Structures are given as C-alpha cells and as structure tokens.
Amino acid sequence: MSTTHRDYIPQNAAQFDAFISNLLKYVLSKQVIWAIPSAKMQDVSEAYSKFQQAHTAAIGTHNQAEILARKEAQAATIKALRAFVNQYLRFPPVTNIDRVEMGIPNHDKIRTDHKDVTEIVDYVLHLRNIREIMIDFWVQGSTHKAKPIGYDGAEIVWGILDAPPKNSDDLNYHAMASRTPFAIHFDETERGKTVYIAATWQNGRGIIGQWSEIKSAIVP
C-alpha cells in the first residue's frame, strides 16, 4: 500500500499567499532572537514581493501570460522558502511550538533522528582555467569521494570579500553540488580578487549539517 506525502507548502496561490505572509511575519518578530541574517531574510522577502505582484495581476484574469508569470514567481518563491526553512527554521532555538505557529511540520523524532546530518564536508580547491575554481569534496575522514547515501549533495556557499568572513552567513552565493568536483565560474572583473568558500552536506530531507572550514583562493 503506497501513501502520498502531503507538502506543507500550499500550491493554491491564495492559500500560499496567506501561508508565507504568516510565516514571514512570525520570523520577523523572532529574527534577532534566532540570529537570522538580514540578507537571507531579504532574499525570501523579495521573492515573495515578486510573487505578490504577479499574483495580484493574475487575479480574475484569463490572460495566460499573467497566469504563467504568477506560477513562475510562486515556484521561485517556494524554492527560496524551502532553502530558508531548512537552513534556519529546523533547529534550535526555533521550537516545535514556533514551527506549529508558522505551519511547518515537526519531524517525528522516533523515525527521523537517524536522519540528522552528522557528516562534515572536507575539500580542496583547484585552479583549472581562468575565471574558474574547482571544488573537490568528500566526507571528512573518508577514503572515497562518494556522497553519503540518500543525500542531495553538498551545499556550497561563496563570496568575494575584502576581509575574511566571520562565518558562512557572510557568503552570499550558493549552489547545490550533487557530485564532485564542482566548478564555480567568475566574471572577468573578479579576477585577482579573494573568494571565500564553505560547504555542508544536505540530506534528502533538505536538512543540512555542520559547515566546513572556510577556505579561500585568488580568482584566476
């Protein structure tokens, strides 16, 4: 007998609008306590703002272009929201009660404790071509480079900064690397500048682990 997993994020546009509006208002009231970076909060808020505009334009219309624009804006907002929830709202200090208030389901600890991400990413940086840096990564302490079974891969974040970052939250670019090595491509104007990089494993439930050491390289 098969069962269908019910997504906690509503697909109906009006219901989604109400859901994310409530979630963002709640997070905003806790942002300082939960130490959520303003830049990350802004990313989700801007995606939601674009959805709101497209949703408002599409209400009561049969214009297929406006309906498509609303669907695309909603899909982009959902993608940003999932990443935000998995990175900031799945762990303490956010509580089970907080998640209920936001409409985010709590995991059954009896079934999912073994799904906690305990592995750490280890990696080296290679300069292969101009404007390109290769990240060769693996599980720290492992003798092979296969990602853990059932994992999406490594979430990699990076940023070009004038000084070393305090932590991974200061790195504003990110990508999911499903296999190693992973290449980051840069603009010609970024050559000669210092890029800082960090990585963490993400399992199939979208849960991430501990961030790696932050490493740096000069963009070739």
N, C-alpha and C. Protein backbone atom coordinates (compact mmCIF):
# COMPACT_ATOMS: atom_id res chain seq x y z
N MET A 1 0.86 -1.19 0.00
CA MET A 1 0.00 0.00 0.00
C MET A 1 0.89 1.24 0.00
N SER A 2 0.71 2.12 -0.93
CA SER A 2 1.54 3.32 -1.02
C SER A 2 0.81 4.51 -0.43
N THR A 3 1.58 5.47 0.08
CA THR A 3 1.00 6.69 0.62
C THR A 3 1.62 7.87 -0.08
N THR A 4 0.91 8.95 -0.15
CA THR A 4 1.40 10.16 -0.80
C THR A 4 1.77 11.18 0.25
N HIS A 5 3.00 11.68 0.17
CA HIS A 5 3.45 12.69 1.12
C HIS A 5 2.79 14.03 0.78
N ARG A 6 2.19 14.63 1.78
CA ARG A 6 1.50 15.90 1.57
C ARG A 6 2.45 17.05 1.87
N ASP A 7 2.65 17.89 0.89
CA ASP A 7 3.54 19.03 1.04
C ASP A 7 2.92 20.04 1.99
N TYR A 8 3.72 20.56 2.91
CA TYR A 8 3.19 21.53 3.87
C TYR A 8 3.01 22.91 3.25
N ILE A 9 3.64 23.16 2.10
CA ILE A 9 3.50 24.45 1.42
C ILE A 9 2.32 24.39 0.46
N PRO A 10 1.29 25.21 0.65
CA PRO A 10 0.11 25.17 -0.22
C PRO A 10 0.47 25.49 -1.68
N GLN A 11 -0.18 24.81 -2.59
CA GLN A 11 0.04 25.08 -4.01
C GLN A 11 -0.97 26.09 -4.56
N ASN A 12 -2.13 26.15 -3.95
CA ASN A 12 -3.11 27.17 -4.34
C ASN A 12 -2.52 28.55 -4.07
N ALA A 13 -2.60 29.44 -5.05
CA ALA A 13 -1.93 30.73 -4.94
C ALA A 13 -2.41 31.56 -3.75
N ALA A 14 -3.71 31.63 -3.54
CA ALA A 14 -4.25 32.42 -2.44
C ALA A 14 -3.84 31.84 -1.09
N GLN A 15 -3.91 30.50 -0.98
CA GLN A 15 -3.52 29.84 0.26
C GLN A 15 -2.02 30.01 0.50
N PHE A 16 -1.23 29.92 -0.56
CA PHE A 16 0.21 30.11 -0.44
C PHE A 16 0.52 31.53 0.03
N ASP A 17 -0.19 32.50 -0.51
CA ASP A 17 0.00 33.90 -0.12
C ASP A 17 -0.23 34.07 1.38
N ALA A 18 -1.31 33.49 1.89
CA ALA A 18 -1.61 33.60 3.32
C ALA A 18 -0.58 32.86 4.15
N PHE A 19 -0.14 31.69 3.66
CA PHE A 19 0.83 30.88 4.40
C PHE A 19 2.16 31.59 4.56
N ILE A 20 2.73 32.07 3.46
CA ILE A 20 4.05 32.69 3.54
C ILE A 20 4.00 34.05 4.23
N SER A 21 2.87 34.76 4.09
CA SER A 21 2.72 36.03 4.79
C SER A 21 2.78 35.82 6.30
N ASN A 22 2.07 34.82 6.78
CA ASN A 22 2.07 34.50 8.21
C ASN A 22 3.47 34.07 8.66
N LEU A 23 4.12 33.22 7.86
CA LEU A 23 5.45 32.72 8.23
C LEU A 23 6.47 33.85 8.33
N LEU A 24 6.48 34.74 7.34
CA LEU A 24 7.47 35.82 7.34
C LEU A 24 7.22 36.81 8.48
N LYS A 25 5.97 37.09 8.78
CA LYS A 25 5.66 37.98 9.91
C LYS A 25 6.16 37.38 11.21
N TYR A 26 5.97 36.07 11.35
CA TYR A 26 6.41 35.39 12.58
C TYR A 26 7.93 35.40 12.69
N VAL A 27 8.59 35.08 11.58
CA VAL A 27 10.06 35.06 11.59
C VAL A 27 10.61 36.45 11.88
N LEU A 28 9.99 37.48 11.30
CA LEU A 28 10.44 38.85 11.52
C LEU A 28 10.40 39.21 13.01
N SER A 29 9.39 38.71 13.71
CA SER A 29 9.26 39.01 15.14
C SER A 29 10.32 38.28 15.97
N LYS A 30 10.93 37.24 15.38
CA LYS A 30 11.93 36.44 16.10
C LYS A 30 13.33 36.56 15.50
N GLN A 31 13.47 37.39 14.48
CA GLN A 31 14.72 37.42 13.70
C GLN A 31 15.96 37.66 14.56
N VAL A 32 15.89 38.61 15.47
CA VAL A 32 17.03 38.92 16.32
C VAL A 32 17.34 37.76 17.25
N ILE A 33 16.32 37.20 17.88
CA ILE A 33 16.49 36.09 18.82
C ILE A 33 17.07 34.87 18.11
N TRP A 34 16.61 34.62 16.89
CA TRP A 34 17.08 33.46 16.14
C TRP A 34 18.36 33.73 15.35
N ALA A 35 18.85 34.96 15.39
CA ALA A 35 20.10 35.35 14.71
C ALA A 35 20.07 35.03 13.22
N ILE A 36 18.95 35.38 12.58
CA ILE A 36 18.83 35.15 11.13
C ILE A 36 19.38 36.36 10.39
N PRO A 37 20.34 36.16 9.49
CA PRO A 37 20.95 37.28 8.76
C PRO A 37 19.92 38.07 7.96
N SER A 38 20.03 39.37 7.99
CA SER A 38 19.08 40.23 7.27
C SER A 38 19.10 39.95 5.78
N ALA A 39 20.29 39.63 5.24
CA ALA A 39 20.40 39.37 3.80
C ALA A 39 19.59 38.14 3.40
N LYS A 40 19.58 37.11 4.25
CA LYS A 40 18.82 35.90 3.96
C LYS A 40 17.32 36.16 4.06
N MET A 41 16.97 36.97 5.05
CA MET A 41 15.55 37.34 5.22
C MET A 41 15.09 38.16 4.02
N GLN A 42 15.96 39.03 3.55
CA GLN A 42 15.61 39.88 2.42
C GLN A 42 15.43 39.07 1.14
N ASP A 43 16.24 38.03 0.96
CA ASP A 43 16.13 37.19 -0.24
C ASP A 43 14.73 36.60 -0.36
N VAL A 44 14.23 36.05 0.75
CA VAL A 44 12.89 35.43 0.73
C VAL A 44 11.82 36.51 0.59
N SER A 45 12.00 37.61 1.28
CA SER A 45 11.01 38.69 1.23
C SER A 45 10.89 39.27 -0.18
N GLU A 46 12.02 39.42 -0.87
CA GLU A 46 11.99 39.96 -2.23
C GLU A 46 11.32 38.97 -3.19
N ALA A 47 11.60 37.68 -3.01
CA ALA A 47 10.94 36.68 -3.86
C ALA A 47 9.44 36.71 -3.62
N TYR A 48 9.03 36.85 -2.35
CA TYR A 48 7.60 36.91 -2.03
C TYR A 48 6.96 38.16 -2.60
N SER A 49 7.68 39.28 -2.58
CA SER A 49 7.15 40.53 -3.13
C SER A 49 6.87 40.39 -4.63
N LYS A 50 7.77 39.71 -5.34
CA LYS A 50 7.57 39.49 -6.77
C LYS A 50 6.36 38.59 -7.01
N PHE A 51 6.21 37.58 -6.14
CA PHE A 51 5.04 36.71 -6.26
C PHE A 51 3.76 37.51 -6.02
N GLN A 52 3.76 38.36 -4.99
CA GLN A 52 2.57 39.16 -4.69
C GLN A 52 2.15 40.01 -5.88
N GLN A 53 3.12 40.64 -6.51
CA GLN A 53 2.82 41.49 -7.66
C GLN A 53 2.22 40.66 -8.80
N ALA A 54 2.82 39.51 -9.06
CA ALA A 54 2.34 38.65 -10.15
C ALA A 54 0.97 38.06 -9.79
N HIS A 55 0.80 37.71 -8.52
CA HIS A 55 -0.47 37.13 -8.07
C HIS A 55 -1.60 38.15 -8.19
N THR A 56 -1.34 39.37 -7.77
CA THR A 56 -2.34 40.44 -7.86
C THR A 56 -2.74 40.70 -9.31
N ALA A 57 -1.74 40.70 -10.21
CA ALA A 57 -2.01 40.95 -11.63
C ALA A 57 -2.83 39.85 -12.26
N ALA A 58 -2.70 38.62 -11.72
CA ALA A 58 -3.36 37.47 -12.34
C ALA A 58 -4.75 37.20 -11.77
N ILE A 59 -5.10 37.86 -10.67
CA ILE A 59 -6.40 37.61 -10.05
C ILE A 59 -7.54 38.01 -11.00
N GLY A 60 -8.45 37.07 -11.24
CA GLY A 60 -9.62 37.34 -12.06
C GLY A 60 -9.36 37.47 -13.54
N THR A 61 -8.13 37.15 -13.97
CA THR A 61 -7.83 37.28 -15.39
C THR A 61 -7.74 35.92 -16.07
N HIS A 62 -7.94 35.91 -17.37
CA HIS A 62 -7.73 34.71 -18.16
C HIS A 62 -6.53 34.89 -19.09
N ASN A 63 -5.75 35.92 -18.81
CA ASN A 63 -4.55 36.19 -19.58
C ASN A 63 -3.49 35.15 -19.23
N GLN A 64 -3.16 34.31 -20.21
CA GLN A 64 -2.25 33.20 -19.95
C GLN A 64 -0.85 33.66 -19.58
N ALA A 65 -0.42 34.79 -20.11
CA ALA A 65 0.92 35.30 -19.80
C ALA A 65 1.01 35.71 -18.33
N GLU A 66 -0.05 36.36 -17.83
CA GLU A 66 -0.05 36.78 -16.44
C GLU A 66 -0.17 35.57 -15.50
N ILE A 67 -0.93 34.58 -15.90
CA ILE A 67 -1.06 33.37 -15.09
C ILE A 67 0.28 32.63 -15.03
N LEU A 68 0.96 32.56 -16.18
CA LEU A 68 2.28 31.91 -16.22
C LEU A 68 3.27 32.68 -15.36
N ALA A 69 3.23 33.99 -15.41
CA ALA A 69 4.13 34.82 -14.60
C ALA A 69 3.90 34.56 -13.12
N ARG A 70 2.63 34.42 -12.73
CA ARG A 70 2.32 34.13 -11.33
C ARG A 70 2.84 32.76 -10.93
N LYS A 71 2.68 31.76 -11.79
CA LYS A 71 3.16 30.40 -11.48
C LYS A 71 4.68 30.37 -11.36
N GLU A 72 5.36 31.08 -12.23
CA GLU A 72 6.83 31.09 -12.18
C GLU A 72 7.32 31.82 -10.94
N ALA A 73 6.66 32.92 -10.59
CA ALA A 73 7.04 33.67 -9.39
C ALA A 73 6.78 32.85 -8.13
N GLN A 74 5.68 32.09 -8.14
CA GLN A 74 5.37 31.24 -6.99
C GLN A 74 6.39 30.12 -6.85
N ALA A 75 6.78 29.51 -7.97
CA ALA A 75 7.77 28.44 -7.94
C ALA A 75 9.12 28.95 -7.41
N ALA A 76 9.51 30.14 -7.84
CA ALA A 76 10.77 30.73 -7.38
C ALA A 76 10.71 31.04 -5.89
N THR A 77 9.57 31.51 -5.43
CA THR A 77 9.41 31.84 -4.01
C THR A 77 9.43 30.58 -3.16
N ILE A 78 8.78 29.52 -3.63
CA ILE A 78 8.78 28.25 -2.90
C ILE A 78 10.20 27.69 -2.79
N LYS A 79 10.96 27.79 -3.86
CA LYS A 79 12.34 27.31 -3.83
C LYS A 79 13.16 28.07 -2.79
N ALA A 80 13.03 29.38 -2.78
CA ALA A 80 13.76 30.20 -1.81
C ALA A 80 13.29 29.91 -0.40
N LEU A 81 11.99 29.71 -0.23
CA LEU A 81 11.43 29.45 1.09
C LEU A 81 11.90 28.12 1.65
N ARG A 82 11.92 27.08 0.83
CA ARG A 82 12.37 25.76 1.31
C ARG A 82 13.81 25.84 1.82
N ALA A 83 14.67 26.49 1.05
CA ALA A 83 16.07 26.62 1.46
C ALA A 83 16.18 27.38 2.77
N PHE A 84 15.38 28.44 2.91
CA PHE A 84 15.39 29.25 4.12
C PHE A 84 14.92 28.45 5.33
N VAL A 85 13.82 27.72 5.16
CA VAL A 85 13.28 26.90 6.25
C VAL A 85 14.29 25.85 6.68
N ASN A 86 14.88 25.15 5.71
CA ASN A 86 15.81 24.07 6.04
C ASN A 86 17.09 24.57 6.69
N GLN A 87 17.50 25.79 6.35
CA GLN A 87 18.75 26.32 6.90
C GLN A 87 18.57 26.99 8.26
N TYR A 88 17.39 27.60 8.50
CA TYR A 88 17.24 28.41 9.71
C TYR A 88 16.11 28.00 10.65
N LEU A 89 15.13 27.26 10.18
CA LEU A 89 13.94 27.03 11.00
C LEU A 89 13.75 25.58 11.44
N ARG A 90 14.69 24.71 11.14
CA ARG A 90 14.58 23.30 11.51
C ARG A 90 15.27 22.97 12.83
N PHE A 91 16.04 23.91 13.37
CA PHE A 91 16.87 23.62 14.53
C PHE A 91 16.64 24.64 15.64
N PRO A 92 17.06 24.31 16.89
CA PRO A 92 17.02 25.29 17.98
C PRO A 92 17.83 26.52 17.59
N PRO A 93 17.45 27.71 18.03
CA PRO A 93 16.45 27.98 19.07
C PRO A 93 15.00 27.95 18.61
N VAL A 94 14.73 27.67 17.34
CA VAL A 94 13.35 27.53 16.88
C VAL A 94 12.75 26.28 17.52
N THR A 95 11.59 26.42 18.13
CA THR A 95 10.98 25.30 18.84
C THR A 95 9.87 24.64 18.02
N ASN A 96 9.40 23.49 18.52
CA ASN A 96 8.27 22.82 17.87
C ASN A 96 7.04 23.71 17.86
N ILE A 97 6.84 24.46 18.94
CA ILE A 97 5.69 25.37 19.01
C ILE A 97 5.81 26.47 17.96
N ASP A 98 7.03 26.99 17.79
CA ASP A 98 7.25 28.01 16.76
C ASP A 98 6.87 27.46 15.39
N ARG A 99 7.31 26.24 15.11
CA ARG A 99 7.03 25.66 13.78
C ARG A 99 5.53 25.45 13.57
N VAL A 100 4.83 25.06 14.62
CA VAL A 100 3.37 24.92 14.50
C VAL A 100 2.73 26.26 14.18
N GLU A 101 3.20 27.32 14.83
CA GLU A 101 2.68 28.67 14.57
C GLU A 101 2.93 29.10 13.13
N MET A 102 4.04 28.65 12.56
CA MET A 102 4.39 29.02 11.19
C MET A 102 3.83 28.07 10.14
N GLY A 103 3.24 26.96 10.58
CA GLY A 103 2.68 25.99 9.64
C GLY A 103 3.70 25.03 9.09
N ILE A 104 4.85 24.90 9.78
CA ILE A 104 5.91 23.98 9.36
C ILE A 104 5.79 22.71 10.18
N PRO A 105 5.70 21.54 9.55
CA PRO A 105 5.53 20.30 10.31
C PRO A 105 6.79 19.95 11.10
N ASN A 106 6.59 19.39 12.27
CA ASN A 106 7.70 18.90 13.08
C ASN A 106 7.98 17.45 12.71
N HIS A 107 9.25 17.10 12.66
CA HIS A 107 9.61 15.73 12.33
C HIS A 107 9.34 14.81 13.52
N ASP A 108 8.97 13.59 13.22
CA ASP A 108 8.79 12.57 14.24
C ASP A 108 10.17 12.08 14.65
N LYS A 109 10.60 12.43 15.88
CA LYS A 109 11.96 12.10 16.30
C LYS A 109 12.20 10.61 16.39
N ILE A 110 11.16 9.85 16.64
CA ILE A 110 11.33 8.40 16.73
C ILE A 110 11.79 7.84 15.39
N ARG A 111 11.28 8.43 14.31
CA ARG A 111 11.61 7.91 12.98
C ARG A 111 12.77 8.63 12.33
N THR A 112 13.06 9.88 12.73
CA THR A 112 13.97 10.68 11.93
C THR A 112 15.27 11.09 12.60
N ASP A 113 15.50 10.71 13.87
CA ASP A 113 16.76 11.08 14.49
C ASP A 113 17.96 10.58 13.69
N HIS A 114 17.82 9.39 13.09
CA HIS A 114 18.93 8.84 12.32
C HIS A 114 19.15 9.59 11.02
N LYS A 115 18.26 10.54 10.73
CA LYS A 115 18.42 11.34 9.51
C LYS A 115 19.20 12.62 9.78
N ASP A 116 19.62 12.85 11.02
CA ASP A 116 20.43 14.02 11.31
C ASP A 116 21.72 13.95 10.50
N VAL A 117 22.15 15.10 10.02
CA VAL A 117 23.36 15.15 9.20
C VAL A 117 24.58 15.31 10.12
N THR A 118 25.32 14.23 10.29
CA THR A 118 26.50 14.24 11.17
C THR A 118 27.80 14.35 10.39
N GLU A 119 27.75 14.09 9.09
CA GLU A 119 28.97 14.15 8.28
C GLU A 119 29.39 15.60 8.04
N ILE A 120 30.68 15.81 7.83
CA ILE A 120 31.22 17.14 7.54
C ILE A 120 31.94 17.09 6.20
N VAL A 121 31.81 18.16 5.43
CA VAL A 121 32.48 18.23 4.13
C VAL A 121 33.95 18.60 4.33
N ASP A 122 34.81 17.86 3.65
CA ASP A 122 36.22 18.25 3.52
C ASP A 122 36.47 18.47 2.04
N TYR A 123 37.36 19.38 1.69
CA TYR A 123 37.55 19.69 0.28
C TYR A 123 38.87 20.39 0.03
N VAL A 124 39.28 20.38 -1.24
CA VAL A 124 40.43 21.15 -1.68
C VAL A 124 40.00 21.98 -2.89
N LEU A 125 40.71 23.08 -3.10
CA LEU A 125 40.41 23.98 -4.22
C LEU A 125 41.48 23.85 -5.29
N HIS A 126 41.04 23.78 -6.55
CA HIS A 126 41.97 23.68 -7.68
C HIS A 126 41.70 24.83 -8.65
N LEU A 127 42.75 25.41 -9.18
CA LEU A 127 42.62 26.43 -10.22
C LEU A 127 42.84 25.73 -11.56
N ARG A 128 41.75 25.55 -12.33
CA ARG A 128 41.86 24.77 -13.57
C ARG A 128 41.95 25.67 -14.79
N ASN A 129 41.06 26.61 -14.91
CA ASN A 129 41.04 27.54 -16.04
C ASN A 129 40.90 28.96 -15.52
N ILE A 130 41.07 29.93 -16.40
CA ILE A 130 40.85 31.31 -15.97
C ILE A 130 39.38 31.49 -15.61
N ARG A 131 39.13 32.28 -14.57
CA ARG A 131 37.78 32.58 -14.08
C ARG A 131 37.05 31.33 -13.58
N GLU A 132 37.81 30.31 -13.16
CA GLU A 132 37.16 29.08 -12.70
C GLU A 132 37.94 28.47 -11.53
N ILE A 133 37.22 28.05 -10.50
CA ILE A 133 37.80 27.34 -9.37
C ILE A 133 37.04 26.03 -9.18
N MET A 134 37.77 24.94 -9.07
CA MET A 134 37.18 23.62 -8.88
C MET A 134 37.20 23.26 -7.39
N ILE A 135 36.09 22.74 -6.91
CA ILE A 135 35.99 22.29 -5.53
C ILE A 135 35.88 20.77 -5.53
N ASP A 136 36.91 20.11 -5.04
CA ASP A 136 36.96 18.65 -4.98
C ASP A 136 36.62 18.27 -3.54
N PHE A 137 35.43 17.70 -3.31
CA PHE A 137 34.96 17.48 -1.94
C PHE A 137 34.62 16.03 -1.65
N TRP A 138 34.59 15.69 -0.34
CA TRP A 138 34.30 14.34 0.12
C TRP A 138 33.88 14.41 1.59
N VAL A 139 33.48 13.27 2.13
CA VAL A 139 33.13 13.20 3.55
C VAL A 139 34.42 13.22 4.36
N GLN A 140 34.48 14.13 5.33
CA GLN A 140 35.68 14.24 6.16
C GLN A 140 36.01 12.90 6.81
N GLY A 141 37.26 12.46 6.63
CA GLY A 141 37.71 11.20 7.21
C GLY A 141 37.48 9.99 6.33
N SER A 142 36.81 10.19 5.19
CA SER A 142 36.53 9.06 4.29
C SER A 142 37.67 8.86 3.32
N THR A 143 37.80 7.61 2.83
CA THR A 143 38.84 7.29 1.86
C THR A 143 38.32 7.33 0.43
N HIS A 144 37.03 7.61 0.26
CA HIS A 144 36.45 7.73 -1.08
C HIS A 144 35.72 9.06 -1.18
N LYS A 145 35.27 9.40 -2.38
CA LYS A 145 34.66 10.71 -2.60
C LYS A 145 33.16 10.63 -2.91
N ALA A 146 32.55 9.50 -2.64
CA ALA A 146 31.11 9.38 -2.88
C ALA A 146 30.34 10.15 -1.81
N LYS A 147 29.24 10.79 -2.22
CA LYS A 147 28.41 11.49 -1.24
C LYS A 147 27.67 10.45 -0.41
N PRO A 148 27.26 10.79 0.81
CA PRO A 148 26.52 9.84 1.65
C PRO A 148 25.25 9.36 0.96
N ILE A 149 24.90 8.11 1.17
CA ILE A 149 23.73 7.52 0.54
C ILE A 149 22.46 8.28 0.96
N GLY A 150 21.64 8.63 -0.02
CA GLY A 150 20.39 9.32 0.24
C GLY A 150 20.53 10.82 0.38
N TYR A 151 21.73 11.36 0.18
CA TYR A 151 21.95 12.80 0.31
C TYR A 151 21.79 13.49 -1.05
N ASP A 152 21.33 14.75 -1.02
CA ASP A 152 21.25 15.54 -2.25
C ASP A 152 22.65 15.91 -2.74
N GLY A 153 23.54 16.15 -1.80
CA GLY A 153 24.90 16.55 -2.17
C GLY A 153 25.43 17.56 -1.16
N ALA A 154 26.36 18.38 -1.62
CA ALA A 154 26.95 19.40 -0.75
C ALA A 154 26.43 20.77 -1.15
N GLU A 155 25.95 21.52 -0.16
CA GLU A 155 25.59 22.91 -0.41
C GLU A 155 26.86 23.74 -0.27
N ILE A 156 27.19 24.47 -1.31
CA ILE A 156 28.42 25.26 -1.34
C ILE A 156 28.06 26.73 -1.36
N VAL A 157 28.70 27.50 -0.50
CA VAL A 157 28.48 28.94 -0.46
C VAL A 157 29.81 29.65 -0.67
N TRP A 158 29.77 30.81 -1.29
CA TRP A 158 31.00 31.55 -1.53
C TRP A 158 30.71 33.04 -1.66
N GLY A 159 31.75 33.82 -1.54
CA GLY A 159 31.63 35.26 -1.69
C GLY A 159 32.99 35.89 -1.87
N ILE A 160 33.03 36.96 -2.65
CA ILE A 160 34.26 37.72 -2.85
C ILE A 160 34.23 38.89 -1.87
N LEU A 161 35.17 38.87 -0.92
CA LEU A 161 35.16 39.85 0.16
C LEU A 161 36.53 40.49 0.33
N ASP A 162 36.55 41.65 0.94
CA ASP A 162 37.81 42.36 1.20
C ASP A 162 38.51 41.83 2.45
N ALA A 163 37.77 41.13 3.30
CA ALA A 163 38.33 40.58 4.53
C ALA A 163 37.68 39.23 4.81
N PRO A 164 38.35 38.35 5.56
CA PRO A 164 37.78 37.03 5.86
C PRO A 164 36.42 37.16 6.54
N PRO A 165 35.46 36.32 6.17
CA PRO A 165 34.12 36.39 6.77
C PRO A 165 34.12 35.85 8.20
N LYS A 166 33.16 36.30 8.99
CA LYS A 166 33.03 35.80 10.36
C LYS A 166 32.49 34.37 10.36
N ASN A 167 31.58 34.09 9.43
CA ASN A 167 31.02 32.74 9.31
C ASN A 167 30.40 32.58 7.93
N SER A 168 29.81 31.42 7.67
CA SER A 168 29.27 31.12 6.34
C SER A 168 28.11 32.03 5.96
N ASP A 169 27.44 32.64 6.93
CA ASP A 169 26.31 33.53 6.62
C ASP A 169 26.75 34.76 5.84
N ASP A 170 28.04 35.09 5.90
CA ASP A 170 28.55 36.26 5.19
C ASP A 170 28.80 35.96 3.70
N LEU A 171 28.66 34.70 3.31
CA LEU A 171 28.91 34.30 1.92
C LEU A 171 27.58 34.26 1.19
N ASN A 172 27.40 35.13 0.20
CA ASN A 172 26.06 35.37 -0.35
C ASN A 172 25.72 34.62 -1.63
N TYR A 173 26.62 33.78 -2.15
CA TYR A 173 26.30 32.96 -3.31
C TYR A 173 26.24 31.50 -2.88
N HIS A 174 25.34 30.74 -3.46
CA HIS A 174 25.24 29.33 -3.06
C HIS A 174 24.80 28.46 -4.23
N ALA A 175 25.13 27.18 -4.11
CA ALA A 175 24.74 26.21 -5.14
C ALA A 175 24.75 24.82 -4.51
N MET A 176 23.93 23.93 -5.06
CA MET A 176 23.91 22.55 -4.61
C MET A 176 24.77 21.72 -5.57
N ALA A 177 25.81 21.08 -5.04
CA ALA A 177 26.71 20.25 -5.85
C ALA A 177 26.35 18.79 -5.60
N SER A 178 25.77 18.16 -6.61
CA SER A 178 25.34 16.76 -6.45
C SER A 178 26.49 15.78 -6.63
N ARG A 179 27.59 16.26 -7.20
CA ARG A 179 28.75 15.39 -7.37
C ARG A 179 30.03 16.21 -7.34
N THR A 180 31.13 15.53 -7.10
CA THR A 180 32.43 16.19 -7.05
C THR A 180 33.22 15.85 -8.31
N PRO A 181 34.05 16.75 -8.83
CA PRO A 181 34.27 18.12 -8.37
C PRO A 181 33.18 19.07 -8.88
N PHE A 182 33.12 20.24 -8.26
CA PHE A 182 32.14 21.26 -8.62
C PHE A 182 32.88 22.52 -9.03
N ALA A 183 32.46 23.13 -10.13
CA ALA A 183 33.15 24.31 -10.65
C ALA A 183 32.37 25.59 -10.36
N ILE A 184 33.07 26.60 -9.89
CA ILE A 184 32.49 27.93 -9.73
C ILE A 184 33.11 28.82 -10.81
N HIS A 185 32.28 29.51 -11.56
CA HIS A 185 32.74 30.38 -12.64
C HIS A 185 32.57 31.84 -12.23
N PHE A 186 33.55 32.65 -12.58
CA PHE A 186 33.57 34.04 -12.16
C PHE A 186 33.57 34.98 -13.36
N ASP A 187 33.27 36.24 -13.07
CA ASP A 187 33.30 37.28 -14.10
C ASP A 187 34.74 37.79 -14.27
N GLU A 188 35.02 38.34 -15.45
CA GLU A 188 36.35 38.86 -15.73
C GLU A 188 36.76 39.93 -14.71
N THR A 189 35.80 40.71 -14.25
CA THR A 189 36.09 41.79 -13.30
C THR A 189 36.47 41.25 -11.91
N GLU A 190 36.25 39.96 -11.67
CA GLU A 190 36.54 39.37 -10.36
C GLU A 190 37.91 38.71 -10.30
N ARG A 191 38.61 38.67 -11.41
CA ARG A 191 39.93 38.04 -11.44
C ARG A 191 40.90 38.80 -10.52
N GLY A 192 41.70 38.04 -9.79
CA GLY A 192 42.67 38.63 -8.87
C GLY A 192 42.11 38.94 -7.50
N LYS A 193 40.80 38.76 -7.31
CA LYS A 193 40.18 39.02 -6.01
C LYS A 193 40.12 37.73 -5.19
N THR A 194 39.91 37.88 -3.89
CA THR A 194 39.87 36.72 -3.00
C THR A 194 38.44 36.23 -2.82
N VAL A 195 38.25 34.93 -3.08
CA VAL A 195 36.94 34.32 -2.86
C VAL A 195 37.04 33.40 -1.65
N TYR A 196 36.02 33.46 -0.80
CA TYR A 196 35.95 32.60 0.38
C TYR A 196 34.85 31.56 0.16
N ILE A 197 35.12 30.32 0.57
CA ILE A 197 34.22 29.20 0.25
C ILE A 197 34.00 28.33 1.48
N ALA A 198 32.77 27.83 1.63
CA ALA A 198 32.45 26.87 2.69
C ALA A 198 31.43 25.88 2.13
N ALA A 199 31.26 24.75 2.81
CA ALA A 199 30.34 23.73 2.31
C ALA A 199 29.76 22.92 3.46
N THR A 200 28.58 22.35 3.22
CA THR A 200 27.94 21.47 4.19
C THR A 200 27.17 20.40 3.44
N TRP A 201 26.99 19.24 4.04
CA TRP A 201 26.19 18.19 3.42
C TRP A 201 24.71 18.48 3.63
N GLN A 202 23.89 18.09 2.63
CA GLN A 202 22.44 18.20 2.75
C GLN A 202 21.82 16.85 2.43
N ASN A 203 20.98 16.35 3.32
CA ASN A 203 20.38 15.03 3.06
C ASN A 203 19.12 15.15 2.23
N GLY A 204 18.49 14.03 1.95
CA GLY A 204 17.32 14.01 1.07
C GLY A 204 16.10 14.71 1.65
N ARG A 205 16.13 15.03 2.94
CA ARG A 205 15.02 15.75 3.58
C ARG A 205 15.26 17.26 3.56
N GLY A 206 16.37 17.68 2.96
CA GLY A 206 16.69 19.09 2.91
C GLY A 206 17.37 19.61 4.17
N ILE A 207 17.76 18.70 5.07
CA ILE A 207 18.43 19.08 6.31
C ILE A 207 19.93 19.18 6.06
N ILE A 208 20.53 20.26 6.54
CA ILE A 208 21.97 20.44 6.36
C ILE A 208 22.70 20.15 7.66
N GLY A 209 24.02 19.92 7.52
CA GLY A 209 24.85 19.62 8.67
C GLY A 209 25.71 20.79 9.08
N GLN A 210 26.82 20.46 9.72
CA GLN A 210 27.75 21.49 10.18
C GLN A 210 28.54 22.05 9.01
N TRP A 211 28.78 23.36 9.03
CA TRP A 211 29.54 23.98 7.96
C TRP A 211 31.02 23.63 8.09
N SER A 212 31.66 23.50 6.96
CA SER A 212 33.08 23.18 6.90
C SER A 212 33.92 24.39 7.30
N GLU A 213 35.20 24.16 7.34
CA GLU A 213 36.15 25.26 7.47
C GLU A 213 36.00 26.17 6.25
N ILE A 214 36.13 27.46 6.46
CA ILE A 214 36.08 28.40 5.35
C ILE A 214 37.49 28.51 4.73
N LYS A 215 37.58 28.27 3.42
CA LYS A 215 38.85 28.34 2.73
C LYS A 215 38.79 29.46 1.70
N SER A 216 39.95 29.87 1.22
CA SER A 216 39.98 30.98 0.28
C SER A 216 40.94 30.68 -0.88
N ALA A 217 40.74 31.41 -1.96
CA ALA A 217 41.62 31.30 -3.15
C ALA A 217 41.54 32.62 -3.92
N ILE A 218 42.53 32.84 -4.75
CA ILE A 218 42.53 34.00 -5.63
C ILE A 218 41.90 33.61 -6.96
N VAL A 219 40.91 34.35 -7.41
CA VAL A 219 40.23 34.01 -8.67
C VAL A 219 41.24 34.15 -9.82
N PRO A 220 41.48 33.08 -10.56
CA PRO A 220 42.48 33.11 -11.62
C PRO A 220 42.02 33.87 -12.87
